Amino acid sequence: MDRMIETREVTVVVETGELLENYPSDPRGHSCLILGFGNNGRAIHVVCSSKDEYLAIITAYLPDSQGWSSDFRTRL
């Protein structure tokens, strides 16, 4: 499976994804974890932080099935 995540996939996740976790006390600034689906329906998690002038993408990754529930919404 290709582990590379395209910019367009990150955009789709941010625009249409589901908020899973909220991190108001993150030292980098208030951030959150979003679940969405990219190419071929694969699950993608994006952690981002809203800044005054832009949205900072902290990380984007393919969640590991051993660390998450089968729907990638709940940590195990």
C-alpha atoms as a PDB file:
ATOM      1  CA  MET A   1       0.000   0.000   0.000  1.00  0.00           C
ATOM      2  CA  ASP A   2       1.269   3.442  -0.893  1.00  0.00           C
ATOM      3  CA  ARG A   3       1.969   5.381   2.306  1.00  0.00           C
ATOM      4  CA  MET A   4       2.395   8.746   0.581  1.00  0.00           C
ATOM      5  CA  ILE A   5      -0.403  11.233   1.214  1.00  0.00           C
ATOM      6  CA  GLU A   6      -1.196  13.732  -1.531  1.00  0.00           C
ATOM      7  CA  THR A   7      -1.824  17.396  -0.795  1.00  0.00           C
ATOM      8  CA  ARG A   8      -5.304  17.053  -2.283  1.00  0.00           C
ATOM      9  CA  GLU A   9      -6.113  14.246   0.161  1.00  0.00           C
ATOM     10  CA  VAL A  10      -5.165  16.461   3.117  1.00  0.00           C
ATOM     11  CA  THR A  11      -7.366  19.219   1.715  1.00  0.00           C
ATOM     12  CA  VAL A  12     -10.315  16.835   1.387  1.00  0.00           C
ATOM     13  CA  VAL A  13      -9.857  15.584   4.961  1.00  0.00           C
ATOM     14  CA  VAL A  14      -9.754  19.135   6.359  1.00  0.00           C
ATOM     15  CA  GLU A  15     -12.761  20.244   4.306  1.00  0.00           C
ATOM     16  CA  THR A  16     -15.003  17.193   4.796  1.00  0.00           C
ATOM     17  CA  GLY A  17     -13.579  15.189   7.692  1.00  0.00           C
ATOM     18  CA  GLU A  18     -14.895  14.381  11.135  1.00  0.00           C
ATOM     19  CA  LEU A  19     -13.437  15.978  14.266  1.00  0.00           C
ATOM     20  CA  LEU A  20     -12.196  13.139  16.486  1.00  0.00           C
ATOM     21  CA  GLU A  21     -10.160  14.847  19.196  1.00  0.00           C
ATOM     22  CA  ASN A  22      -9.752  18.423  20.365  1.00  0.00           C
ATOM     23  CA  TYR A  23      -6.477  19.598  21.960  1.00  0.00           C
ATOM     24  CA  PRO A  24      -7.131  23.038  23.493  1.00  0.00           C
ATOM     25  CA  SER A  25      -3.971  22.871  25.652  1.00  0.00           C
ATOM     26  CA  ASP A  26      -1.547  21.814  22.903  1.00  0.00           C
ATOM     27  CA  PRO A  27       1.749  23.708  23.410  1.00  0.00           C
ATOM     28  CA  ARG A  28       1.761  24.488  19.657  1.00  0.00           C
ATOM     29  CA  GLY A  29      -1.609  26.198  20.035  1.00  0.00           C
ATOM     30  CA  HIS A  30      -5.156  24.877  20.057  1.00  0.00           C
ATOM     31  CA  SER A  31      -5.269  21.961  17.603  1.00  0.00           C
ATOM     32  CA  CYS A  32      -7.440  19.009  16.670  1.00  0.00           C
ATOM     33  CA  LEU A  33      -7.401  15.566  15.047  1.00  0.00           C
ATOM     34  CA  ILE A  34      -9.616  15.055  11.993  1.00  0.00           C
ATOM     35  CA  LEU A  35     -10.507  11.767  10.279  1.00  0.00           C
ATOM     36  CA  GLY A  36     -11.255  11.739   6.599  1.00  0.00           C
ATOM     37  CA  PHE A  37     -10.899   9.514   3.579  1.00  0.00           C
ATOM     38  CA  GLY A  38      -8.497   9.910   0.700  1.00  0.00           C
ATOM     39  CA  ASN A  39      -7.767   8.057  -2.500  1.00  0.00           C
ATOM     40  CA  ASN A  40      -9.503   4.696  -2.756  1.00  0.00           C
ATOM     41  CA  GLY A  41     -11.342   5.422   0.512  1.00  0.00           C
ATOM     42  CA  ARG A  42      -8.293   4.995   2.736  1.00  0.00           C
ATOM     43  CA  ALA A  43      -8.506   6.530   6.210  1.00  0.00           C
ATOM     44  CA  ILE A  44      -6.297   9.551   6.866  1.00  0.00           C
ATOM     45  CA  HIS A  45      -5.784  11.444  10.120  1.00  0.00           C
ATOM     46  CA  VAL A  46      -4.804  15.121   9.999  1.00  0.00           C
ATOM     47  CA  VAL A  47      -3.729  17.147  13.022  1.00  0.00           C
ATOM     48  CA  CYS A  48      -4.088  20.858  12.404  1.00  0.00           C
ATOM     49  CA  SER A  49      -4.167  24.182  14.223  1.00  0.00           C
ATOM     50  CA  SER A  50      -6.081  27.278  13.200  1.00  0.00           C
ATOM     51  CA  LYS A  51      -3.917  30.400  13.239  1.00  0.00           C
ATOM     52  CA  ASP A  52      -4.992  34.006  12.682  1.00  0.00           C
ATOM     53  CA  GLU A  53      -4.036  34.027   9.008  1.00  0.00           C
ATOM     54  CA  TYR A  54      -3.812  30.364   8.006  1.00  0.00           C
ATOM     55  CA  LEU A  55      -4.457  26.752   8.946  1.00  0.00           C
ATOM     56  CA  ALA A  56      -1.304  24.982  10.131  1.00  0.00           C
ATOM     57  CA  ILE A  57      -1.112  21.312   9.204  1.00  0.00           C
ATOM     58  CA  ILE A  58       0.912  19.708  11.983  1.00  0.00           C
ATOM     59  CA  THR A  59       0.865  16.182  10.605  1.00  0.00           C
ATOM     60  CA  ALA A  60      -1.056  13.860   8.318  1.00  0.00           C
ATOM     61  CA  TYR A  61      -0.787  10.092   8.567  1.00  0.00           C
ATOM     62  CA  LEU A  62      -2.428   6.785   7.758  1.00  0.00           C
ATOM     63  CA  PRO A  63      -3.692   5.445  11.101  1.00  0.00           C
ATOM     64  CA  ASP A  64      -2.405   2.038  12.181  1.00  0.00           C
ATOM     65  CA  SER A  65      -5.131  -0.576  12.566  1.00  0.00           C
ATOM     66  CA  GLN A  66      -3.377  -1.894  15.707  1.00  0.00           C
ATOM     67  CA  GLY A  67      -3.664   1.467  17.455  1.00  0.00           C
ATOM     68  CA  TRP A  68      -7.187   2.386  16.360  1.00  0.00           C
ATOM     69  CA  SER A  69     -10.636   0.807  16.192  1.00  0.00           C
ATOM     70  CA  SER A  70     -11.657  -0.700  12.862  1.00  0.00           C
ATOM     71  CA  ASP A  71     -13.346   2.585  11.844  1.00  0.00           C
ATOM     72  CA  PHE A  72     -10.230   4.605  12.912  1.00  0.00           C
ATOM     73  CA  ARG A  73     -12.325   6.778  15.236  1.00  0.00           C
ATOM     74  CA  THR A  74     -11.269   5.436  18.655  1.00  0.00           C
ATOM     75  CA  ARG A  75      -7.796   4.822  20.080  1.00  0.00           C
ATOM     76  CA  LEU A  76      -7.228   1.332  21.408  1.00  0.00           C
END
